[in-house]
Each structure stands twice: as C-alpha cells, then as structure tokens.
C-alpha atoms as a PDB file:
ATOM      1  CA  UNK A   1     -84.179 118.865 -50.417  1.00  0.00           C
ATOM      2  CA  UNK A   2     -86.597 119.722 -53.239  1.00  0.00           C
ATOM      3  CA  UNK A   3     -90.237 118.733 -53.003  1.00  0.00           C
ATOM      4  CA  UNK A   4     -91.148 115.794 -55.240  1.00  0.00           C
ATOM      5  CA  UNK A   5     -94.268 116.028 -57.397  1.00  0.00           C
ATOM      6  CA  UNK A   6     -95.811 112.878 -58.858  1.00  0.00           C
ATOM      7  CA  UNK A   7     -97.465 113.544 -62.233  1.00  0.00           C
ATOM      8  CA  UNK A   8    -100.023 110.900 -63.168  1.00  0.00           C
ATOM      9  CA  UNK A   9    -101.025 111.739 -66.748  1.00  0.00           C
ATOM     10  CA  UNK A  10    -101.442 109.441 -69.762  1.00  0.00           C
ATOM     11  CA  UNK A  11    -100.797 112.216 -72.315  1.00  0.00           C
ATOM     12  CA  UNK A  12     -97.001 112.001 -72.398  1.00  0.00           C
ATOM     13  CA  UNK A  13     -96.511 115.360 -74.153  1.00  0.00           C
ATOM     14  CA  UNK A  14     -98.638 117.142 -71.547  1.00  0.00           C
ATOM     15  CA  UNK A  15     -96.900 115.316 -68.699  1.00  0.00           C
ATOM     16  CA  UNK A  16     -93.520 116.406 -70.086  1.00  0.00           C
ATOM     17  CA  UNK A  17     -94.643 120.033 -70.274  1.00  0.00           C
ATOM     18  CA  UNK A  18     -95.963 119.887 -66.706  1.00  0.00           C
ATOM     19  CA  UNK A  19     -92.711 118.325 -65.565  1.00  0.00           C
ATOM     20  CA  UNK A  20     -90.553 120.918 -67.351  1.00  0.00           C
ATOM     21  CA  UNK A  21     -92.451 123.840 -65.845  1.00  0.00           C
ATOM     22  CA  UNK A  22     -92.419 122.386 -62.332  1.00  0.00           C
ATOM     23  CA  UNK A  23     -88.706 121.614 -62.665  1.00  0.00           C
ATOM     24  CA  UNK A  24     -88.059 125.231 -63.644  1.00  0.00           C
ATOM     25  CA  UNK A  25     -89.521 126.132 -60.236  1.00  0.00           C
ATOM     26  CA  UNK A  26     -87.106 123.768 -58.474  1.00  0.00           C
ATOM     27  CA  UNK A  27     -89.480 120.838 -57.966  1.00  0.00           C
ATOM     28  CA  UNK A  28     -88.369 117.258 -58.569  1.00  0.00           C
ATOM     29  CA  UNK A  29     -90.900 115.375 -60.698  1.00  0.00           C
ATOM     30  CA  UNK A  30     -91.743 111.793 -61.507  1.00  0.00           C
ATOM     31  CA  UNK A  31     -94.159 110.737 -64.240  1.00  0.00           C
ATOM     32  CA  UNK A  32     -96.524 107.764 -64.417  1.00  0.00           C
ATOM     33  CA  UNK A  33     -98.678 107.271 -67.517  1.00  0.00           C
ATOM     34  CA  UNK A  34    -100.785 104.248 -66.549  1.00  0.00           C
ATOM     35  CA  UNK A  35    -103.165 104.028 -63.615  1.00  0.00           C
ATOM     36  CA  UNK A  36    -102.121 100.519 -62.634  1.00  0.00           C
ATOM     37  CA  UNK A  37     -98.544 101.636 -61.967  1.00  0.00           C
ATOM     38  CA  UNK A  38     -99.402 104.276 -59.367  1.00  0.00           C
ATOM     39  CA  UNK A  39    -100.068 102.239 -56.209  1.00  0.00           C
ATOM     40  CA  UNK A  40     -96.977  99.987 -56.561  1.00  0.00           C
ATOM     41  CA  UNK A  41     -94.822 103.126 -56.969  1.00  0.00           C
ATOM     42  CA  UNK A  42     -96.371 104.745 -53.889  1.00  0.00           C
ATOM     43  CA  UNK A  43     -95.541 101.683 -51.808  1.00  0.00           C
ATOM     44  CA  UNK A  44     -91.866 102.678 -51.903  1.00  0.00           C
ATOM     45  CA  UNK A  45     -91.993 106.429 -52.648  1.00  0.00           C
ATOM     46  CA  UNK A  46     -93.479 109.416 -50.818  1.00  0.00           C
ATOM     47  CA  UNK A  47     -94.137 112.429 -53.051  1.00  0.00           C
ATOM     48  CA  UNK A  48     -95.030 115.806 -51.587  1.00  0.00           C
ATOM     49  CA  UNK A  49     -97.993 116.296 -53.963  1.00  0.00           C
ATOM     50  CA  UNK A  50     -99.762 114.123 -56.538  1.00  0.00           C
ATOM     51  CA  UNK A  51    -101.167 115.640 -59.751  1.00  0.00           C
ATOM     52  CA  UNK A  52    -103.755 113.013 -60.654  1.00  0.00           C
ATOM     53  CA  UNK A  53    -105.577 112.961 -63.978  1.00  0.00           C
ATOM     54  CA  UNK A  54    -109.105 111.527 -63.836  1.00  0.00           C
ATOM     55  CA  UNK A  55    -109.114 109.761 -67.217  1.00  0.00           C
ATOM     56  CA  UNK A  56    -106.353 107.144 -67.192  1.00  0.00           C
ATOM     57  CA  UNK A  57    -105.794 103.717 -68.732  1.00  0.00           C
ATOM     58  CA  UNK A  58    -106.172 101.006 -66.102  1.00  0.00           C
ATOM     59  CA  UNK A  59    -107.315 102.407 -62.764  1.00  0.00           C
ATOM     60  CA  UNK A  60    -108.996 105.787 -63.130  1.00  0.00           C
ATOM     61  CA  UNK A  61    -108.015 108.851 -61.147  1.00  0.00           C
ATOM     62  CA  UNK A  62    -111.177 108.545 -59.068  1.00  0.00           C
ATOM     63  CA  UNK A  63    -110.385 104.918 -58.168  1.00  0.00           C
ATOM     64  CA  UNK A  64    -106.791 105.824 -57.378  1.00  0.00           C
ATOM     65  CA  UNK A  65    -107.740 108.777 -55.197  1.00  0.00           C
ATOM     66  CA  UNK A  66    -110.020 106.550 -53.138  1.00  0.00           C
ATOM     67  CA  UNK A  67    -107.351 103.852 -52.851  1.00  0.00           C
ATOM     68  CA  UNK A  68    -104.577 106.290 -51.886  1.00  0.00           C
ATOM     69  CA  UNK A  69    -106.702 107.783 -49.116  1.00  0.00           C
ATOM     70  CA  UNK A  70    -106.870 104.374 -47.425  1.00  0.00           C
ATOM     71  CA  UNK A  71    -103.186 104.623 -46.517  1.00  0.00           C
ATOM     72  CA  UNK A  72    -101.922 108.166 -47.165  1.00  0.00           C
ATOM     73  CA  UNK A  73    -102.833 111.826 -46.631  1.00  0.00           C
ATOM     74  CA  UNK A  74    -100.496 113.056 -49.381  1.00  0.00           C
ATOM     75  CA  UNK A  75    -102.034 116.159 -51.027  1.00  0.00           C
ATOM     76  CA  UNK A  76    -103.839 115.258 -54.266  1.00  0.00           C
ATOM     77  CA  UNK A  77    -104.755 117.720 -57.011  1.00  0.00           C
ATOM     78  CA  UNK A  78    -107.245 116.216 -59.453  1.00  0.00           C
ATOM     79  CA  UNK A  79    -106.655 117.156 -63.107  1.00  0.00           C
ATOM     80  CA  UNK A  80    -109.473 116.788 -65.602  1.00  0.00           C
ATOM     81  CA  UNK A  81    -110.867 118.010 -68.905  1.00  0.00           C
ATOM     82  CA  UNK A  82    -114.343 117.361 -67.495  1.00  0.00           C
ATOM     83  CA  UNK A  83    -115.687 120.563 -66.037  1.00  0.00           C
ATOM     84  CA  UNK A  84    -119.029 119.221 -64.862  1.00  0.00           C
ATOM     85  CA  UNK A  85    -119.614 119.929 -61.164  1.00  0.00           C
ATOM     86  CA  UNK A  86    -120.320 116.268 -60.366  1.00  0.00           C
ATOM     87  CA  UNK A  87    -116.786 115.286 -61.365  1.00  0.00           C
ATOM     88  CA  UNK A  88    -115.285 118.009 -59.209  1.00  0.00           C
ATOM     89  CA  UNK A  89    -117.360 117.101 -56.186  1.00  0.00           C
ATOM     90  CA  UNK A  90    -116.815 113.379 -56.603  1.00  0.00           C
ATOM     91  CA  UNK A  91    -113.072 113.834 -56.658  1.00  0.00           C
ATOM     92  CA  UNK A  92    -113.088 116.126 -53.646  1.00  0.00           C
ATOM     93  CA  UNK A  93    -115.409 113.940 -51.586  1.00  0.00           C
ATOM     94  CA  UNK A  94    -113.080 110.997 -52.119  1.00  0.00           C
ATOM     95  CA  UNK A  95    -110.338 112.970 -50.417  1.00  0.00           C
ATOM     96  CA  UNK A  96    -108.749 115.187 -53.075  1.00  0.00           C
ATOM     97  CA  UNK A  97    -107.354 118.490 -51.817  1.00  0.00           C
ATOM     98  CA  UNK A  98    -107.927 120.566 -54.938  1.00  0.00           C
ATOM     99  CA  UNK A  99    -108.713 120.324 -58.647  1.00  0.00           C
ATOM    100  CA  UNK A 100    -107.583 122.028 -61.826  1.00  0.00           C
ATOM    101  CA  UNK A 101    -109.397 121.866 -65.150  1.00  0.00           C
ATOM    102  CA  UNK A 102    -107.832 121.462 -68.580  1.00  0.00           C
ATOM    103  CA  UNK A 103    -106.792 123.551 -70.336  1.00  0.00           C
ATOM    104  CA  UNK A 104    -104.854 125.320 -67.596  1.00  0.00           C
ATOM    105  CA  UNK A 105    -101.880 127.662 -67.536  1.00  0.00           C
ATOM    106  CA  UNK A 106     -98.675 126.205 -66.166  1.00  0.00           C
ATOM    107  CA  UNK A 107     -98.313 129.248 -63.927  1.00  0.00           C
ATOM    108  CA  UNK A 108    -101.659 128.324 -62.343  1.00  0.00           C
ATOM    109  CA  UNK A 109    -100.508 124.723 -61.936  1.00  0.00           C
ATOM    110  CA  UNK A 110     -97.398 125.793 -60.041  1.00  0.00           C
ATOM    111  CA  UNK A 111     -99.434 128.246 -57.967  1.00  0.00           C
ATOM    112  CA  UNK A 112    -101.840 125.475 -56.916  1.00  0.00           C
ATOM    113  CA  UNK A 113     -98.975 123.188 -55.929  1.00  0.00           C
ATOM    114  CA  UNK A 114     -97.232 125.925 -53.942  1.00  0.00           C
ATOM    115  CA  UNK A 115    -100.495 126.902 -52.214  1.00  0.00           C
ATOM    116  CA  UNK A 116    -101.095 123.350 -51.015  1.00  0.00           C
ATOM    117  CA  UNK A 117     -97.526 123.027 -49.746  1.00  0.00           C
ATOM    118  CA  UNK A 118     -97.815 126.355 -47.900  1.00  0.00           C
ATOM    119  CA  UNK A 119    -101.040 125.256 -46.207  1.00  0.00           C
ATOM    120  CA  UNK A 120     -99.510 121.921 -45.301  1.00  0.00           C
ATOM    121  CA  UNK A 121     -96.314 123.405 -43.898  1.00  0.00           C
ATOM    122  CA  UNK A 122     -98.083 126.175 -41.989  1.00  0.00           C
ATOM    123  CA  UNK A 123    -100.614 123.784 -40.463  1.00  0.00           C
ATOM    124  CA  UNK A 124     -98.152 121.267 -39.074  1.00  0.00           C
ATOM    125  CA  UNK A 125     -96.558 123.319 -36.273  1.00  0.00           C
ATOM    126  CA  UNK A 126     -99.903 124.855 -35.294  1.00  0.00           C
ATOM    127  CA  UNK A 127    -101.930 121.656 -35.189  1.00  0.00           C
ATOM    128  CA  UNK A 128    -102.252 121.777 -31.383  1.00  0.00           C
ATOM    129  CA  UNK A 129    -103.145 125.472 -31.089  1.00  0.00           C
ATOM    130  CA  UNK A 130    -106.832 124.630 -31.537  1.00  0.00           C
ATOM    131  CA  UNK A 131    -108.373 121.499 -30.028  1.00  0.00           C
ATOM    132  CA  UNK A 132    -111.785 119.842 -29.918  1.00  0.00           C
ATOM    133  CA  UNK A 133    -113.246 118.530 -26.679  1.00  0.00           C
ATOM    134  CA  UNK A 134    -115.975 116.057 -27.544  1.00  0.00           C
ATOM    135  CA  UNK A 135    -116.970 115.560 -23.913  1.00  0.00           C
ATOM    136  CA  UNK A 136    -118.047 119.186 -23.571  1.00  0.00           C
ATOM    137  CA  UNK A 137    -118.744 120.177 -27.197  1.00  0.00           C
ATOM    138  CA  UNK A 138    -116.183 122.959 -26.977  1.00  0.00           C
ATOM    139  CA  UNK A 139    -113.301 124.242 -29.057  1.00  0.00           C
ATOM    140  CA  UNK A 140    -110.215 125.284 -27.130  1.00  0.00           C
ATOM    141  CA  UNK A 141    -107.995 127.944 -28.643  1.00  0.00           C
ATOM    142  CA  UNK A 142    -104.983 129.037 -26.585  1.00  0.00           C
ATOM    143  CA  UNK A 143    -106.589 130.256 -23.336  1.00  0.00           C
ATOM    144  CA  UNK A 144    -110.116 130.586 -24.752  1.00  0.00           C
ATOM    145  CA  UNK A 145    -112.949 128.069 -24.746  1.00  0.00           C
ATOM    146  CA  UNK A 146    -115.661 128.273 -27.427  1.00  0.00           C
ATOM    147  CA  UNK A 147    -118.962 126.607 -26.664  1.00  0.00           C
ATOM    148  CA  UNK A 148    -120.733 124.996 -29.627  1.00  0.00           C
ATOM    149  CA  UNK A 149    -124.140 123.477 -30.037  1.00  0.00           C
ATOM    150  CA  UNK A 150    -124.248 119.755 -30.737  1.00  0.00           C
ATOM    151  CA  UNK A 151    -125.049 120.494 -34.380  1.00  0.00           C
ATOM    152  CA  UNK A 152    -122.197 122.990 -34.737  1.00  0.00           C
ATOM    153  CA  UNK A 153    -119.755 120.602 -33.119  1.00  0.00           C
ATOM    154  CA  UNK A 154    -120.715 117.692 -35.379  1.00  0.00           C
ATOM    155  CA  UNK A 155    -120.506 119.978 -38.410  1.00  0.00           C
ATOM    156  CA  UNK A 156    -117.063 121.260 -37.447  1.00  0.00           C
ATOM    157  CA  UNK A 157    -115.602 117.882 -36.466  1.00  0.00           C
ATOM    158  CA  UNK A 158    -114.892 116.465 -39.966  1.00  0.00           C
ATOM    159  CA  UNK A 159    -113.517 119.811 -41.142  1.00  0.00           C
ATOM    160  CA  UNK A 160    -111.209 120.079 -38.125  1.00  0.00           C
ATOM    161  CA  UNK A 161    -110.023 116.467 -38.344  1.00  0.00           C
ATOM    162  CA  UNK A 162    -109.069 116.914 -42.013  1.00  0.00           C
ATOM    163  CA  UNK A 163    -107.526 120.390 -42.316  1.00  0.00           C
ATOM    164  CA  UNK A 164    -107.254 121.824 -45.832  1.00  0.00           C
ATOM    165  CA  UNK A 165    -109.517 119.131 -47.276  1.00  0.00           C
ATOM    166  CA  UNK A 166    -112.501 120.559 -49.142  1.00  0.00           C
ATOM    167  CA  UNK A 167    -115.937 119.243 -48.143  1.00  0.00           C
ATOM    168  CA  UNK A 168    -118.942 119.817 -50.369  1.00  0.00           C
ATOM    169  CA  UNK A 169    -122.239 120.775 -48.760  1.00  0.00           C
ATOM    170  CA  UNK A 170    -123.663 117.384 -49.730  1.00  0.00           C
ATOM    171  CA  UNK A 171    -120.896 115.482 -47.939  1.00  0.00           C
ATOM    172  CA  UNK A 172    -121.377 117.637 -44.822  1.00  0.00           C
ATOM    173  CA  UNK A 173    -125.113 116.969 -44.937  1.00  0.00           C
ATOM    174  CA  UNK A 174    -124.462 113.230 -45.169  1.00  0.00           C
ATOM    175  CA  UNK A 175    -122.258 113.521 -42.090  1.00  0.00           C
ATOM    176  CA  UNK A 176    -124.888 115.453 -40.157  1.00  0.00           C
ATOM    177  CA  UNK A 177    -127.986 113.541 -41.179  1.00  0.00           C
ATOM    178  CA  UNK A 178    -127.534 109.780 -41.065  1.00  0.00           C
ATOM    179  CA  UNK A 179    -131.244 109.323 -41.752  1.00  0.00           C
ATOM    180  CA  UNK A 180    -130.740 110.924 -45.187  1.00  0.00           C
ATOM    181  CA  UNK A 181    -133.380 113.592 -44.553  1.00  0.00           C
ATOM    182  CA  UNK A 182    -133.682 116.262 -47.192  1.00  0.00           C
ATOM    183  CA  UNK A 183    -131.956 119.469 -46.108  1.00  0.00           C
ATOM    184  CA  UNK A 184    -131.186 122.467 -48.295  1.00  0.00           C
ATOM    185  CA  UNK A 185    -127.700 123.836 -48.869  1.00  0.00           C
ATOM    186  CA  UNK A 186    -128.888 127.042 -47.200  1.00  0.00           C
ATOM    187  CA  UNK A 187    -129.234 125.151 -43.916  1.00  0.00           C
ATOM    188  CA  UNK A 188    -125.577 124.126 -44.012  1.00  0.00           C
ATOM    189  CA  UNK A 189    -124.522 127.635 -45.076  1.00  0.00           C
ATOM    190  CA  UNK A 190    -126.486 129.152 -42.194  1.00  0.00           C
ATOM    191  CA  UNK A 191    -124.851 126.904 -39.591  1.00  0.00           C
ATOM    192  CA  UNK A 192    -121.406 127.460 -41.119  1.00  0.00           C
ATOM    193  CA  UNK A 193    -121.947 131.215 -40.873  1.00  0.00           C
ATOM    194  CA  UNK A 194    -122.793 130.979 -37.145  1.00  0.00           C
ATOM    195  CA  UNK A 195    -119.911 128.587 -36.493  1.00  0.00           C
ATOM    196  CA  UNK A 196    -117.459 130.779 -38.372  1.00  0.00           C
ATOM    197  CA  UNK A 197    -118.536 133.852 -36.380  1.00  0.00           C
ATOM    198  CA  UNK A 198    -117.917 132.082 -33.058  1.00  0.00           C
ATOM    199  CA  UNK A 199    -114.475 130.897 -34.103  1.00  0.00           C
ATOM    200  CA  UNK A 200    -113.369 134.153 -35.734  1.00  0.00           C
ATOM    201  CA  UNK A 201    -114.306 136.210 -32.668  1.00  0.00           C
ATOM    202  CA  UNK A 202    -111.763 134.231 -30.664  1.00  0.00           C
ATOM    203  CA  UNK A 203    -108.981 133.562 -33.174  1.00  0.00           C
ATOM    204  CA  UNK A 204    -108.935 137.169 -34.447  1.00  0.00           C
ATOM    205  CA  UNK A 205    -107.487 135.979 -37.763  1.00  0.00           C
ATOM    206  CA  UNK A 206    -108.727 135.431 -41.277  1.00  0.00           C
ATOM    207  CA  UNK A 207    -111.589 132.964 -41.153  1.00  0.00           C
ATOM    208  CA  UNK A 208    -110.473 129.449 -40.250  1.00  0.00           C
ATOM    209  CA  UNK A 209    -113.433 128.060 -42.212  1.00  0.00           C
ATOM    210  CA  UNK A 210    -112.898 129.070 -45.808  1.00  0.00           C
ATOM    211  CA  UNK A 211    -115.488 128.997 -48.576  1.00  0.00           C
ATOM    212  CA  UNK A 212    -114.408 127.358 -51.823  1.00  0.00           C
ATOM    213  CA  UNK A 213    -116.578 128.872 -54.529  1.00  0.00           C
ATOM    214  CA  UNK A 214    -118.910 126.369 -56.173  1.00  0.00           C
ATOM    215  CA  UNK A 215    -117.655 123.471 -54.058  1.00  0.00           C
ATOM    216  CA  UNK A 216    -117.971 123.833 -50.278  1.00  0.00           C
ATOM    217  CA  UNK A 217    -115.774 124.529 -47.266  1.00  0.00           C
ATOM    218  CA  UNK A 218    -112.419 123.716 -45.718  1.00  0.00           C
ATOM    219  CA  UNK A 219    -110.759 124.337 -42.350  1.00  0.00           C
ATOM    220  CA  UNK A 220    -107.368 126.039 -42.110  1.00  0.00           C
ATOM    221  CA  UNK A 221    -105.497 126.149 -38.807  1.00  0.00           C
ATOM    222  CA  UNK A 222    -105.353 129.663 -37.354  1.00  0.00           C
ATOM    223  CA  UNK A 223    -102.104 131.582 -37.576  1.00  0.00           C
END
C-alpha cells in the first residue's frame, strides 16, 4: 500500500504541483487548503507524513502543529516562505520533524519525505536495542551499559524519548534548567559532545545524536 501524504497548503496551484510530483513517486496525496479543515480530517484519516504550511486561513500551521502533537506523532514537515530562524525553531519546538523553505525544488521535497519515512521505518524495529534506566542513570545497549552523569542523562532523555525529532539548543536548555538560568549554547554543545562520545564508543555506528545545522540536535536509533 502506498504511503499517504497530507498536503496542507492554501495556494491551490502550488498544492497541485506538490501533489503531482509526489504522485509521480508513487505516493498517494490528499490536499487541504484551509486550516480549520485539518483536525476534523485527521480524526478519521492517518497519513504517513503531513506537509504543513505555516501561513494558512483559519488555524495557522503553528497552531495546527501544536494541536496535532496532542494526539498524534505523525511526521510533520513545516513549509514556509519565512526564512527567519525564529519561525524554524518555533515550528520544530512545537513538535515538527523537519522544515522546508519556499521556494524549494520538488526533488528536495520528495527527498525530505523519503528521508523521514526511512528514519521512521528503520527506528521502529530497533526501538528496544537501546534503553534508558532512570534508576541508575545508565544507557543499556545490547550487552553494554553506559554510565551517564545526572546532567547527561537529563539532556539525553528528551532526545531518546522522541527519536528523529529535532530539539533546538534553547528547548534543551529549558528542559535542563527549570530555574531559567542563563546558559550559553556552548554549554549544551559541550555536554552533547561528551554524551555523543560515550554513546558512539559503544554503538560503533554513525553518531546516534545528529547535529542539524543552524537548529539543534536529534536522536536516531543505532543500526
């Protein structure tokens, strides 16, 4: 059965072009052009990926992303003509899996969709290969046990619990520091570097904590 892609885009001509290109790559598509129609449709349908424009009539893409995450982990790719970093981070921190900026090539669009589906499909059967033990602050991988500091464990926990989701440095800092103390991005980067080294020494694969340039980090289950 072909994967279904929901295209939420108010520019009908653009939505049709997106649909045609995705269909040529054997995806089934469905289009919605008004934000208020998205949630009722999702109550009875389960797409494989949602392409969600930020600027929509009715509910905006940001509002919809937040609402969808209350009941579904369906992969969401935010689509926007706004290239400002704040828009990218806001969308990702609300639970989006990726973003693509207009204007984009349709080849890139298909590549992004396929990449998310590959990560999703490869993660599912391996979800139990690595486990967190909160009672001992350790990560268990096959027959190995990786000891983490309290800080490293708390930093890794949200990444591990939401594989493939991108976390900005600011959102990780908010998770780590409930008292809202001021901490530089370098502090997070430094701890990520140490954490990544510990994990990579055991998994012997490409890094399970991936850097997303200009945005932050995400966890990918080891192969």
